[in-house]
Amino acid sequence: SSAVAIVLVSFPGQTWEKVLSKVKKAVVFMDDRCLESLHWNGGAALLFEAGARNIKQFSSFEAGGQNEPKAVFVVSTVLKGRTADIIKDIISLSHFQYCVVFTTVPHSIHLLANNVTTDLEGNPVFEQFEEKLCEWMGDMNYTAEVMHAPVVFAPLTQQLHLLPAFSELFPLLEVDLEAINEKRPEKKRFGSLMDVDMHSLPPELQIQIKSLASALNALFEFISTREESFSVGPMSRLIAGELTNHPQAKNRRKSAPNKASIVFIDRTLDLTGAVGHHGDNLVEKILSVLPQLPGHVTDVQVDMLELTHLKQTTDTKGILAPGCLAQNQSATARLLWETMLVAKQKEAVMEVRRQLVEAASKENLPIKMSLGRVTAEQLCSYVQLFRDSWGALESHSGVLQLGLAAAQALRHPALPRWDACLAFERLLLQALGDSDLAEVLKQLLPLIKSSESGTGSDSSELSVDDLLVLLVCVYSMAKEACPGGADEEKHVEKVENELIGALTLRLARQTSLSPLLQEITGVSGPEELTVERAHSALENVFETLRGVSHARDHLKNFSSVYTPSDGAHQATYRPLLKQVLEEIFHPDRRECPDVEHMSGGLTDLLKTGFSMFMKVTRPHPSDHPLLFLFLVGGVTPSELRLIREVVSTHKSCTQVLVMSTRLLRPSDVPHLLFRTDRLKPDIGV
């Protein structure tokens, strides 16, 4: 791997150095998004090794003790409104004489949040906040410091970085375009999402996009790299534009010795891959069936009971801290995690077994070797060998937690539902080619009605959440699979109304509402859910779905992710990501109109003037030894494997590093699509 890539590995940890230098003898209050970044960078141990006294949640219900004079706050939000109130609450209940506040939002964006358009000297917003901190501590002679630290990167592996602070950022859809246009005069309305510019977005979303661009700028600064930005999709274009025009980036690009390309891609251009159950990937299943770690978007809880001799009773619930997937301590566990994340499921489980056998033999534990299929029982029996040796447990805890995660997913009662979803997706994929959209949607009606009993006793019976995932799957391919005319549209509308009716009845009969259904309907329990409310919520869902089917309308080369059956072969799904990468690594270095190059304005005009006389080669994503792929709205584990496969097929010398806003499970997609605040993300104000 290139020298730059090696330096990059230390970047996320480096962003924390500033924080670590201040935590000695302090109580640390941290919000969930920053805690999640810390979790993948070494976790709480980092803070304790640096001398922190305690770590607490960033909440008005927390405070420092009588003999704790120093506090450090780490937040991913703008220092005003709700965020400022919580800091004030914590300080009022404590006895601090020294407060340090870190925010991942840079000072320039704090100016924007306060409607200041001119660039001011120094950091006046932070200085004002320092005065407030002293006021709240009750003595202007106490010490307060406020600064920016871009602690937003979570390195899941050396090749994959997530940004938990932006996990709710998602490309806009048709429904959002309508909301933007509603507030604009008739003559100034946008024809498509591709026309929407930064200034016409709500301030909260502008702040989020600018913060993301600023974090990426910090990364390129750290690895002294000059980047060429490319984008596929409207949201990607806005982010790439912000990065290109970032005020600090201009100087960096003049002097930076290294070069890289970064290609932003909108998740909405291929939701088939995001909701699909076809990944053949162990981690996708672990993430989908195990409960999430409280406050985390990515990691899950691994039950540690099998590492003890406790019996599974109600008394043992909550005694043991859960294990997790982020194993930063041991290199062996890190490599195992990487294999689990990108390999096919069969390879992954074999590797889990191999590592458990190896660990057991290192510790001279009496292991029974077995070949053949790996089962959950077998993995558990290997893990249980460790429970009587504290030393063995401690030195292999990373591998043991990953082994337990695999076993618990493989024997999980919800796994048959995964296979049921996969079977339906395959049916729908073929049906889309054979009949029109209305007919395909009709096939979902019996699924909705079948479980009117609502007992859910059959483990492979689909829940309303599952049905919403399947609907996204259908609509994400509907346009190219069934290009219908006006009559067809009327027919589709009729069936959609039948689906809305059936789903409304089903919702009205629910005895409990999943978090997703609470979010869509805006109520917390079935007793508050009226039929009218359920009906109008579902009408909104279908309006959003119709927009999903038009997400690729503006693309020329990548307008389809569906290959119909030709009689000899079945219809197939063609991942957009694969198409984009094949285009980027094509040996002819072809011009691709859909991969748009962003450049800083003036030079472009000069180039066009010259091009009449000389051949100007436009920058191409494959020009540089390092290529960042940034998936706006999430990436799935099986897409990580796909990226690897394409790069190795093309024997490219380019090193590809993946960044994304989150690691997707199929069930995340309805949450990201059907909620109401895509245009107004929570920036803590």
Foldseek 3Di string as FASTA:
>chain_A
DDPLLVLLLCVLVVLCPVVLQPQALAEEEEELQLQQLCLLVPHPVSNVVSHHPYYHYQALVEEDDAPRAEYEYEYAFACDDQSVVSLLSRLLVYQYLEYEYEYQQAQVLNCVVVVNDDDDPDRVVQVVVQCVSCVSNPHSPGYYYYHYGNNQWRPLASQEIAGQSCLLFADDFPVVLVVLQVPPPPVPRDPDLQPDALVSFPSQVSSVLLSVLVSVLVSCVSSLEQEWEWEFANVSVRSSQSNQVPPVNVVSNVDRPAYAYEYEYHCLLFCLVQQALPLLALLLLLQPFADPDPSDDGKGFFDPVLLEPDDDDPVCPPPDGTDIQSDPPDPLLSVLSLCRLAPRNQVSLVSLVVVLVVLCVVVPFDQDDDDDGDALVNLSVSLNSCNVPPVSCVVCVSSSRVSRSSSCSRPPLLVLLSVLLNVLLQVLLQVLQVDALLVSLVVCLCLLVVCLVQPCPPSNRDDVLSSLLVLLNCLLARCVSHVDDPVSVVSNVVSLVVVLVSNLSSLLSHQFDDPLRCQLLVHHGSVPDDSVSSSVSSVLSVVLSNRSNCRLVVADVLSHQWDPDPVVDHIDGHDSVLVVLCQLLPPVLDDGPSTGIDHDPDVVVVCVVCVVPPPDDDDGNLPRQEYEYEYENEDESSVVNVVVVSCVVSVRSRDYRYYYNHHGHSSVVSVSRSGDQNSNDCSSD
